[in-house]
Amino acid sequence: MDRQRIQTGLAGPIASIRTPFTRDGAIDYDALRRMVDFDINAGAGALLLTWGDSLFAVLSDREIADLTRTVVESAAGRVVVAACTGRWATPQSVEFAACCREFGADILQVFLPQWYPGCLNRQTMVDHHLAIGRHMPVMVNSAEIQRNGAADGLAVARELIERGAPVLAMKADVTGEYDRKMTSLIRNSWTMFAGGQKSFHMDLGPYGCRGYLSTFVTFMPEVSSAYWRAIGEEDRPAAVRIIEKIDRPFFEEILAMPGGFDAAMHGITERCGLTERWRRAPFTSLDDEAMERLGGLLDRLKSIMGEIQHATD
């Protein structure tokens, strides 16, 4: 384990892996490899597999393993690769952690099984992460450990730190005061990065959040680069301008798409020539009319980004 390499990779723009499919619902591994190369060349410091964006809900356990191995092999050590568990019991999660170590993944994000409130308590969540950590460096997800409330989530993180658990990072997935408190708590022990929109990253920045999950690095990297440069130069007005002119309008439009954010992102990667738009049934995919709307949105964003770049030259 190269702790510094892993934490550095997670302290910048991170690309989320969205599983691509063919029209008949098969995983498109050629498209997956194209996406990995694109994201790395676009400047992502890490590739993140996750239960949501990677569509684990419609994958078999074998497919999750195959997907993980393919991403690791395609990255070929060029960037950090963060694998992710399914919503599995501890024994299966531990078994998968051992597989991820063999594949060569760098760190493993932990998701939790939860059927009904009260199935998990603080101690079982701590023990679950510790068991997985015997095989792989661990990434905690802030939303997962607060399933019994914010106080429990903070207590779980605190105990993992006190016990010297092999945790290197946390993905912040809950906007608001909980994740601000969490960032303050863990910033000297783990690397915190923000999921979601750029405004979430800016909100957590003063508390010690280092990286962010970048949507734009996967299809329009000039936006990601400009925002990250503004953050590095502590040019808050420039960062806010990108949020107001690019990020916020983008999310407002694609969240209103039929099928929501994920369907829109699959459509965008088709527009960029990386994948096809399809998602596995019963998930819906965009029709031709929605794809035309996406094309218009991307054209507008590119024009606005060009104006921003011209104004700063």
Protein backbone atom coordinates (compact mmCIF):
# COMPACT_ATOMS: atom_id res chain seq x y z
CA MET A 1 0.00 0.00 0.00
CA ASP A 2 1.27 3.43 -1.00
CA ARG A 3 -0.68 5.63 1.42
CA GLN A 4 0.59 8.92 0.04
CA ARG A 5 -0.18 7.97 -3.57
CA ILE A 6 -3.72 6.89 -2.69
CA GLN A 7 -4.53 9.97 -0.65
CA THR A 8 -3.00 12.31 -3.23
CA GLY A 9 -5.04 10.69 -6.00
CA LEU A 10 -8.22 11.26 -4.00
CA ALA A 11 -7.35 14.90 -3.32
CA GLY A 12 -8.26 16.20 -6.76
CA PRO A 13 -10.84 15.66 -9.49
CA ILE A 14 -12.13 12.07 -9.31
CA ALA A 15 -14.00 10.29 -12.11
CA SER A 16 -16.98 8.11 -11.27
CA ILE A 17 -17.28 4.96 -13.38
CA ARG A 18 -20.73 4.54 -14.95
CA THR A 19 -21.18 1.01 -16.23
CA PRO A 20 -21.83 1.10 -20.00
CA PHE A 21 -24.20 -1.36 -21.66
CA THR A 22 -25.04 -2.48 -25.16
CA ARG A 23 -28.64 -2.17 -26.32
CA ASP A 24 -29.36 -5.78 -25.29
CA GLY A 25 -28.16 -5.12 -21.73
CA ALA A 26 -24.70 -6.69 -21.81
CA ILE A 27 -21.82 -4.82 -20.16
CA ASP A 28 -19.83 -3.09 -22.89
CA TYR A 29 -16.26 -3.72 -21.79
CA ASP A 30 -14.73 -2.03 -24.84
CA ALA A 31 -16.64 1.14 -24.00
CA LEU A 32 -15.56 0.80 -20.38
CA ARG A 33 -11.91 0.78 -21.42
CA ARG A 34 -12.48 3.86 -23.60
CA MET A 35 -14.02 5.65 -20.64
CA VAL A 36 -11.08 4.77 -18.39
CA ASP A 37 -8.58 6.13 -20.92
CA PHE A 38 -10.64 9.28 -21.46
CA ASP A 39 -10.94 9.99 -17.74
CA ILE A 40 -7.24 9.51 -17.11
CA ASN A 41 -6.25 11.66 -20.07
CA ALA A 42 -8.73 14.29 -18.88
CA GLY A 43 -6.84 14.69 -15.61
CA ALA A 44 -8.69 12.52 -13.12
CA GLY A 45 -6.45 11.56 -10.22
CA ALA A 46 -8.58 8.56 -9.33
CA LEU A 47 -11.32 6.34 -10.74
CA LEU A 48 -14.20 5.50 -8.43
CA LEU A 49 -16.49 2.51 -8.67
CA THR A 50 -19.58 2.98 -6.55
CA TRP A 51 -22.86 1.25 -5.81
CA GLY A 52 -24.87 4.09 -7.40
CA ASP A 53 -23.16 5.41 -10.54
CA SER A 54 -21.69 2.02 -11.42
CA LEU A 55 -25.23 0.55 -11.28
CA PHE A 56 -24.42 -2.31 -8.93
CA ALA A 57 -28.18 -2.62 -8.32
CA VAL A 58 -28.59 -4.24 -11.76
CA LEU A 59 -25.33 -6.22 -11.79
CA SER A 60 -24.62 -9.72 -10.52
CA ASP A 61 -21.88 -10.25 -7.97
CA ARG A 62 -19.72 -11.83 -10.67
CA GLU A 63 -20.25 -8.82 -12.93
CA ILE A 64 -19.22 -6.45 -10.11
CA ALA A 65 -15.98 -8.41 -9.78
CA ASP A 66 -15.41 -8.47 -13.55
CA LEU A 67 -16.14 -4.75 -13.81
CA THR A 68 -13.66 -4.01 -11.02
CA ARG A 69 -10.93 -6.15 -12.54
CA THR A 70 -11.38 -4.54 -15.96
CA VAL A 71 -11.11 -1.01 -14.56
CA VAL A 72 -7.96 -1.91 -12.62
CA GLU A 73 -6.37 -3.58 -15.63
CA SER A 74 -7.30 -0.68 -17.94
CA ALA A 75 -5.93 1.92 -15.53
CA ALA A 76 -2.67 -0.05 -15.43
CA GLY A 77 -1.36 1.84 -12.41
CA ARG A 78 -1.71 5.25 -14.05
CA VAL A 79 -4.14 6.53 -11.41
CA VAL A 80 -5.66 5.36 -8.14
CA VAL A 81 -8.56 2.92 -8.50
CA ALA A 82 -11.19 2.79 -5.76
CA ALA A 83 -13.30 -0.36 -5.81
CA CYS A 84 -16.61 -0.68 -3.96
CA THR A 85 -18.48 -3.40 -2.12
CA GLY A 86 -22.08 -4.28 -2.77
CA ARG A 87 -24.63 -4.16 0.01
CA TRP A 88 -23.33 -7.42 1.36
CA ALA A 89 -22.93 -9.11 4.71
CA THR A 90 -19.50 -9.00 6.33
CA PRO A 91 -18.27 -12.43 5.10
CA GLN A 92 -19.05 -11.66 1.45
CA SER A 93 -17.60 -8.14 1.75
CA VAL A 94 -14.40 -9.59 3.22
CA GLU A 95 -14.21 -12.14 0.40
CA PHE A 96 -14.59 -9.37 -2.16
CA ALA A 97 -11.90 -7.31 -0.42
CA ALA A 98 -9.48 -10.20 -0.87
CA CYS A 99 -10.39 -10.33 -4.56
CA CYS A 100 -9.83 -6.58 -4.95
CA ARG A 101 -6.39 -6.95 -3.42
CA GLU A 102 -5.57 -9.66 -5.98
CA PHE A 103 -6.89 -7.49 -8.81
CA GLY A 104 -4.62 -4.64 -7.72
CA ALA A 105 -7.24 -2.08 -6.64
CA ASP A 106 -5.87 0.61 -4.33
CA ILE A 107 -8.72 1.18 -1.88
CA LEU A 108 -12.20 -0.21 -1.22
CA GLN A 109 -15.27 1.93 -0.56
CA VAL A 110 -17.63 0.22 1.90
CA PHE A 111 -21.38 0.10 1.43
CA LEU A 112 -23.65 -1.45 4.04
CA PRO A 113 -26.63 -3.77 3.95
CA GLN A 114 -29.70 -2.24 5.56
CA TRP A 115 -33.17 -3.71 5.34
CA TYR A 116 -34.84 -1.84 8.17
CA PRO A 117 -33.75 0.76 10.73
CA GLY A 118 -31.98 -0.91 13.60
CA CYS A 119 -30.45 -3.77 11.63
CA LEU A 120 -27.07 -2.12 12.19
CA ASN A 121 -25.64 -0.39 15.24
CA ARG A 122 -22.44 1.53 15.86
CA GLN A 123 -20.44 -1.51 16.86
CA THR A 124 -21.53 -3.69 13.96
CA MET A 125 -20.68 -0.89 11.51
CA VAL A 126 -17.25 -0.45 13.09
CA ASP A 127 -16.60 -4.19 13.09
CA HIS A 128 -17.69 -4.45 9.45
CA HIS A 129 -15.15 -1.83 8.34
CA LEU A 130 -12.40 -3.34 10.49
CA ALA A 131 -12.94 -6.81 9.03
CA ILE A 132 -12.70 -5.49 5.47
CA GLY A 133 -9.67 -3.40 6.40
CA ARG A 134 -7.68 -6.53 7.22
CA HIS A 135 -7.50 -7.13 3.46
CA MET A 136 -7.69 -3.69 1.82
CA PRO A 137 -7.30 0.00 2.69
CA VAL A 138 -10.80 1.29 3.34
CA MET A 139 -12.84 4.26 2.16
CA VAL A 140 -15.80 5.16 4.38
CA ASN A 141 -18.96 6.63 2.87
CA SER A 142 -20.43 9.30 5.13
CA ALA A 143 -24.02 8.56 4.09
CA GLU A 144 -23.69 4.87 4.86
CA ILE A 145 -22.51 5.22 8.43
CA GLN A 146 -25.23 7.73 9.37
CA ARG A 147 -28.08 5.35 8.62
CA ASN A 148 -29.06 5.48 12.31
CA GLY A 149 -28.60 9.25 12.47
CA ALA A 150 -25.86 11.86 12.37
CA ALA A 151 -24.69 11.24 15.94
CA ASP A 152 -24.12 7.58 15.16
CA GLY A 153 -22.26 8.39 11.96
CA LEU A 154 -19.86 10.71 13.76
CA ALA A 155 -19.40 8.16 16.55
CA VAL A 156 -18.53 5.41 14.06
CA ALA A 157 -15.91 7.60 12.36
CA ARG A 158 -14.49 8.65 15.72
CA GLU A 159 -14.10 5.05 16.89
CA LEU A 160 -12.47 3.97 13.63
CA ILE A 161 -9.91 6.77 14.05
CA GLU A 162 -9.30 5.94 17.72
CA ARG A 163 -8.78 2.27 16.92
CA GLY A 164 -6.30 3.03 14.14
CA ALA A 165 -8.44 1.39 11.49
CA PRO A 166 -6.86 1.08 8.01
CA VAL A 167 -9.06 3.87 6.64
CA LEU A 168 -7.48 6.34 4.22
CA ALA A 169 -10.43 8.29 2.86
CA MET A 170 -14.07 9.25 3.15
CA LYS A 171 -16.58 10.16 0.47
CA ALA A 172 -18.87 12.93 1.70
CA ASP A 173 -22.37 12.13 0.50
CA VAL A 174 -24.64 14.14 2.82
CA THR A 175 -24.89 17.87 2.29
CA GLY A 176 -25.19 20.18 5.27
CA GLU A 177 -24.02 20.33 8.85
CA TYR A 178 -23.40 16.59 9.28
CA ASP A 179 -20.71 16.46 6.60
CA ARG A 180 -19.22 19.77 7.77
CA LYS A 181 -18.79 18.23 11.23
CA MET A 182 -17.52 15.00 9.69
CA THR A 183 -14.92 16.83 7.61
CA SER A 184 -13.64 18.67 10.67
CA LEU A 185 -13.45 15.38 12.56
CA ILE A 186 -11.53 13.31 10.03
CA ARG A 187 -9.43 15.86 8.10
CA ASN A 188 -6.19 15.12 9.97
CA SER A 189 -6.61 11.35 9.61
CA TRP A 190 -8.30 10.63 6.28
CA THR A 191 -8.65 12.33 2.91
CA MET A 192 -12.17 13.72 2.50
CA PHE A 193 -13.63 14.27 -0.94
CA ALA A 194 -17.07 15.53 -1.88
CA GLY A 195 -19.59 13.79 -4.07
CA GLY A 196 -22.26 15.70 -5.95
CA GLN A 197 -22.02 19.21 -7.31
CA LYS A 198 -19.15 21.68 -7.08
CA SER A 199 -21.04 23.87 -4.60
CA PHE A 200 -20.93 20.94 -2.15
CA HIS A 201 -17.15 20.79 -2.49
CA MET A 202 -16.86 24.54 -1.92
CA ASP A 203 -19.09 24.25 1.15
CA LEU A 204 -16.82 21.63 2.71
CA GLY A 205 -13.52 23.17 1.59
CA PRO A 206 -13.01 25.46 4.62
CA TYR A 207 -13.41 22.45 6.92
CA GLY A 208 -10.69 20.40 5.23
CA CYS A 209 -12.30 18.68 2.24
CA ARG A 210 -9.57 18.11 -0.32
CA GLY A 211 -10.97 16.45 -3.43
CA TYR A 212 -14.24 16.23 -5.33
CA LEU A 213 -16.07 13.81 -7.56
CA SER A 214 -16.09 15.57 -10.93
CA THR A 215 -18.94 14.98 -13.35
CA PHE A 216 -17.34 17.11 -16.06
CA VAL A 217 -13.99 15.32 -16.08
CA THR A 218 -15.81 12.40 -17.73
CA PHE A 219 -16.96 14.35 -20.80
CA MET A 220 -15.96 18.07 -20.74
CA PRO A 221 -12.66 18.22 -18.88
CA GLU A 222 -12.01 21.89 -19.61
CA VAL A 223 -14.69 22.70 -17.01
CA SER A 224 -13.09 20.46 -14.40
CA SER A 225 -9.64 21.89 -15.12
CA ALA A 226 -10.82 25.49 -14.87
CA TYR A 227 -12.62 24.89 -11.59
CA TRP A 228 -9.69 23.01 -10.06
CA ARG A 229 -7.27 25.72 -11.16
CA ALA A 230 -9.48 28.33 -9.49
CA ILE A 231 -9.53 26.30 -6.28
CA GLY A 232 -5.74 25.87 -6.34
CA GLU A 233 -5.23 29.59 -6.89
CA GLU A 234 -7.78 30.42 -4.17
CA ASP A 235 -9.71 32.40 -6.76
CA ARG A 236 -13.15 31.98 -5.24
CA PRO A 237 -14.93 34.36 -7.68
CA ALA A 238 -13.67 32.28 -10.62
CA ALA A 239 -14.85 29.05 -9.00
CA VAL A 240 -18.25 30.58 -8.21
CA ARG A 241 -18.56 31.82 -11.80
CA ILE A 242 -18.11 28.26 -13.10
CA ILE A 243 -20.70 26.99 -10.62
CA GLU A 244 -23.24 29.64 -11.57
CA LYS A 245 -22.67 29.61 -15.33
CA ILE A 246 -21.92 25.91 -15.94
CA ASP A 247 -22.43 23.53 -13.04
CA ARG A 248 -25.78 24.68 -11.67
CA PRO A 249 -27.55 25.03 -15.06
CA PHE A 250 -26.19 21.66 -16.13
CA PHE A 251 -27.52 19.81 -13.11
CA GLU A 252 -30.86 21.61 -13.19
CA GLU A 253 -31.43 20.41 -16.74
CA ILE A 254 -30.19 16.84 -16.54
CA LEU A 255 -31.92 16.12 -13.23
CA ALA A 256 -35.17 16.91 -15.03
CA MET A 257 -34.42 14.42 -17.82
CA PRO A 258 -36.60 11.28 -18.07
CA GLY A 259 -34.71 8.65 -16.09
CA GLY A 260 -32.86 11.32 -14.11
CA PHE A 261 -29.17 11.99 -13.72
CA ASP A 262 -27.83 8.55 -14.58
CA ALA A 263 -29.86 8.19 -17.76
CA ALA A 264 -28.65 11.63 -18.83
CA MET A 265 -25.01 10.78 -18.14
CA HIS A 266 -25.28 7.63 -20.25
CA GLY A 267 -26.72 9.78 -23.01
CA ILE A 268 -23.90 12.31 -22.68
CA THR A 269 -21.21 9.66 -23.04
CA GLU A 270 -22.95 8.47 -26.21
CA ARG A 271 -22.92 12.05 -27.53
CA CYS A 272 -19.18 12.12 -26.80
CA GLY A 273 -18.59 8.88 -28.72
CA LEU A 274 -17.46 6.88 -25.68
CA THR A 275 -20.42 4.58 -25.03
CA GLU A 276 -24.00 3.96 -26.03
CA ARG A 277 -26.89 5.47 -24.08
CA TRP A 278 -28.44 2.20 -22.95
CA ARG A 279 -29.05 1.05 -19.41
CA ARG A 280 -30.01 -2.46 -18.35
CA ALA A 281 -33.71 -3.17 -17.90
CA PRO A 282 -35.76 -2.30 -15.97
CA PHE A 283 -33.89 1.04 -15.90
CA THR A 284 -35.00 3.43 -18.63
CA SER A 285 -32.81 4.96 -21.33
CA LEU A 286 -33.14 8.26 -23.14
CA ASP A 287 -35.11 8.43 -26.38
CA ASP A 288 -34.00 10.35 -29.47
CA GLU A 289 -35.86 13.52 -28.44
CA ALA A 290 -34.06 13.61 -25.08
CA MET A 291 -30.76 12.97 -26.83
CA GLU A 292 -31.37 16.05 -28.99
CA ARG A 293 -32.00 18.10 -25.86
CA LEU A 294 -28.71 16.86 -24.46
CA GLY A 295 -26.89 17.85 -27.61
CA GLY A 296 -28.26 21.37 -27.33
CA LEU A 297 -27.26 21.56 -23.66
CA LEU A 298 -23.69 20.46 -24.39
CA ASP A 299 -23.37 22.98 -27.21
CA ARG A 300 -24.55 25.80 -24.92
CA LEU A 301 -22.18 24.78 -22.13
CA LYS A 302 -19.21 24.64 -24.49
CA SER A 303 -20.04 28.11 -25.76
CA ILE A 304 -20.33 29.50 -22.22
CA MET A 305 -17.10 27.80 -21.19
CA GLY A 306 -15.36 29.35 -24.18
CA GLU A 307 -16.56 32.78 -23.11
CA ILE A 308 -15.28 32.21 -19.56
CA GLN A 309 -11.89 31.08 -20.83
CA HIS A 310 -11.66 34.05 -23.21
CA ALA A 311 -12.48 36.47 -20.40
CA THR A 312 -9.69 35.08 -18.23
CA ASP A 313 -6.99 34.98 -20.93
